[in-house]
Amino acid sequence: MRYEYKTTDTCSQMISFDIDGNQISNIEFYGGCNGNLKAVSKLVQGMTVEEIEDKLLGITCGRRPTSCADQLAKAVRAAYSGQAE
């Protein structure tokens, strides 16, 4: 299932990805630091929701209370939780 997540407090505006059970693939960031976000997408390709949260949740960017990586962790959790409903 394809999922789209509107980010907050980051340079990227949206993240989209596929979720199958708890596995994440085909991650795309819209906006933000293009090269860094392509790298993040490749590094977490095929990981589970829990693995992504363990690695990325809580990462900040500068003075912001969040980051694109942190937003990805929140997005995959929201998508996974939404599947269970």
C-alpha atoms as a PDB file:
ATOM      1  CA  MET A   1       0.000   0.000   0.000  1.00  0.00           C
ATOM      2  CA  ARG A   2       1.294   3.464  -0.882  1.00  0.00           C
ATOM      3  CA  TYR A   3       1.259   5.964   1.993  1.00  0.00           C
ATOM      4  CA  GLU A   4       1.795   9.740   1.984  1.00  0.00           C
ATOM      5  CA  TYR A   5       2.760  11.732   5.059  1.00  0.00           C
ATOM      6  CA  LYS A   6       2.775  15.525   5.325  1.00  0.00           C
ATOM      7  CA  THR A   7       5.834  16.576   7.309  1.00  0.00           C
ATOM      8  CA  THR A   8       6.048  19.386   9.872  1.00  0.00           C
ATOM      9  CA  ASP A   9       8.963  21.665  10.832  1.00  0.00           C
ATOM     10  CA  THR A  10      11.248  20.335   8.053  1.00  0.00           C
ATOM     11  CA  CYS A  11      12.430  21.481   4.645  1.00  0.00           C
ATOM     12  CA  SER A  12      10.747  18.498   3.016  1.00  0.00           C
ATOM     13  CA  GLN A  13       7.006  18.881   2.638  1.00  0.00           C
ATOM     14  CA  MET A  14       5.934  15.268   2.182  1.00  0.00           C
ATOM     15  CA  ILE A  15       7.190  11.695   2.332  1.00  0.00           C
ATOM     16  CA  SER A  16       5.661   8.831   0.364  1.00  0.00           C
ATOM     17  CA  PHE A  17       6.508   5.141   0.624  1.00  0.00           C
ATOM     18  CA  ASP A  18       5.133   1.643   0.253  1.00  0.00           C
ATOM     19  CA  ILE A  19       4.281  -0.410   3.318  1.00  0.00           C
ATOM     20  CA  ASP A  20       3.706  -4.158   3.256  1.00  0.00           C
ATOM     21  CA  GLY A  21       3.032  -5.473   6.759  1.00  0.00           C
ATOM     22  CA  ASN A  22       5.762  -3.712   8.701  1.00  0.00           C
ATOM     23  CA  GLN A  23       8.294  -3.501   5.852  1.00  0.00           C
ATOM     24  CA  ILE A  24       8.985  -0.176   4.118  1.00  0.00           C
ATOM     25  CA  SER A  25      10.139   0.385   0.524  1.00  0.00           C
ATOM     26  CA  ASN A  26      10.184   2.944  -2.309  1.00  0.00           C
ATOM     27  CA  ILE A  27      10.673   5.969  -0.031  1.00  0.00           C
ATOM     28  CA  GLU A  28      10.469   9.399  -1.659  1.00  0.00           C
ATOM     29  CA  PHE A  29      10.925  12.785   0.000  1.00  0.00           C
ATOM     30  CA  TYR A  30       9.457  15.899  -1.638  1.00  0.00           C
ATOM     31  CA  GLY A  31      11.593  18.947  -0.943  1.00  0.00           C
ATOM     32  CA  GLY A  32      14.473  19.056   1.507  1.00  0.00           C
ATOM     33  CA  CYS A  33      18.154  18.219   0.986  1.00  0.00           C
ATOM     34  CA  ASN A  34      17.980  16.105  -2.143  1.00  0.00           C
ATOM     35  CA  GLY A  35      21.247  14.167  -1.817  1.00  0.00           C
ATOM     36  CA  ASN A  36      20.930  13.469   1.903  1.00  0.00           C
ATOM     37  CA  LEU A  37      17.332  12.340   1.614  1.00  0.00           C
ATOM     38  CA  LYS A  38      18.125  10.034  -1.306  1.00  0.00           C
ATOM     39  CA  ALA A  39      20.805   8.483   0.905  1.00  0.00           C
ATOM     40  CA  VAL A  40      18.432   8.076   3.867  1.00  0.00           C
ATOM     41  CA  SER A  41      15.886   6.457   1.546  1.00  0.00           C
ATOM     42  CA  LYS A  42      18.412   3.923   0.256  1.00  0.00           C
ATOM     43  CA  LEU A  43      19.808   3.163   3.712  1.00  0.00           C
ATOM     44  CA  VAL A  44      16.417   2.250   5.185  1.00  0.00           C
ATOM     45  CA  GLN A  45      15.041   0.517   2.066  1.00  0.00           C
ATOM     46  CA  GLY A  46      13.487  -2.804   3.094  1.00  0.00           C
ATOM     47  CA  MET A  47      13.731  -2.149   6.837  1.00  0.00           C
ATOM     48  CA  THR A  48      10.860  -2.708   9.207  1.00  0.00           C
ATOM     49  CA  VAL A  49       8.973   0.049  10.994  1.00  0.00           C
ATOM     50  CA  GLU A  50      10.737  -0.886  14.238  1.00  0.00           C
ATOM     51  CA  GLU A  51      14.211  -0.791  12.657  1.00  0.00           C
ATOM     52  CA  ILE A  52      13.567   2.640  11.151  1.00  0.00           C
ATOM     53  CA  GLU A  53      12.249   3.973  14.458  1.00  0.00           C
ATOM     54  CA  ASP A  54      15.277   2.591  16.329  1.00  0.00           C
ATOM     55  CA  LYS A  55      17.678   4.356  13.983  1.00  0.00           C
ATOM     56  CA  LEU A  56      15.905   7.637  13.172  1.00  0.00           C
ATOM     57  CA  LEU A  57      13.344   8.610  15.818  1.00  0.00           C
ATOM     58  CA  GLY A  58      14.412  11.672  17.788  1.00  0.00           C
ATOM     59  CA  ILE A  59      17.039  12.996  15.365  1.00  0.00           C
ATOM     60  CA  THR A  60      16.898  16.799  15.225  1.00  0.00           C
ATOM     61  CA  CYS A  61      18.065  19.270  12.580  1.00  0.00           C
ATOM     62  CA  GLY A  62      19.749  22.439  13.805  1.00  0.00           C
ATOM     63  CA  ARG A  63      17.465  24.190  16.277  1.00  0.00           C
ATOM     64  CA  ARG A  64      14.383  22.352  15.069  1.00  0.00           C
ATOM     65  CA  PRO A  65      12.816  19.749  17.356  1.00  0.00           C
ATOM     66  CA  THR A  66      12.621  17.269  14.454  1.00  0.00           C
ATOM     67  CA  SER A  67      14.309  16.368  11.157  1.00  0.00           C
ATOM     68  CA  CYS A  68      13.395  14.711   7.889  1.00  0.00           C
ATOM     69  CA  ALA A  69      14.726  11.422   9.300  1.00  0.00           C
ATOM     70  CA  ASP A  70      12.644  11.826  12.466  1.00  0.00           C
ATOM     71  CA  GLN A  71       9.596  12.625  10.338  1.00  0.00           C
ATOM     72  CA  LEU A  72      10.188   9.423   8.349  1.00  0.00           C
ATOM     73  CA  ALA A  73      10.185   7.411  11.584  1.00  0.00           C
ATOM     74  CA  LYS A  74       6.908   9.062  12.594  1.00  0.00           C
ATOM     75  CA  ALA A  75       5.449   8.501   9.116  1.00  0.00           C
ATOM     76  CA  VAL A  76       6.174   4.775   9.024  1.00  0.00           C
ATOM     77  CA  ARG A  77       4.691   4.330  12.510  1.00  0.00           C
ATOM     78  CA  ALA A  78       1.538   6.229  11.476  1.00  0.00           C
ATOM     79  CA  ALA A  79       1.194   4.093   8.352  1.00  0.00           C
ATOM     80  CA  TYR A  80       1.743   0.865  10.263  1.00  0.00           C
ATOM     81  CA  SER A  81      -0.710   1.833  13.000  1.00  0.00           C
ATOM     82  CA  GLY A  82      -3.261   2.839  10.351  1.00  0.00           C
ATOM     83  CA  GLN A  83      -3.092  -0.620   8.760  1.00  0.00           C
ATOM     84  CA  ALA A  84      -4.201  -2.206  12.033  1.00  0.00           C
ATOM     85  CA  GLU A  85      -7.364  -0.108  12.259  1.00  0.00           C
END
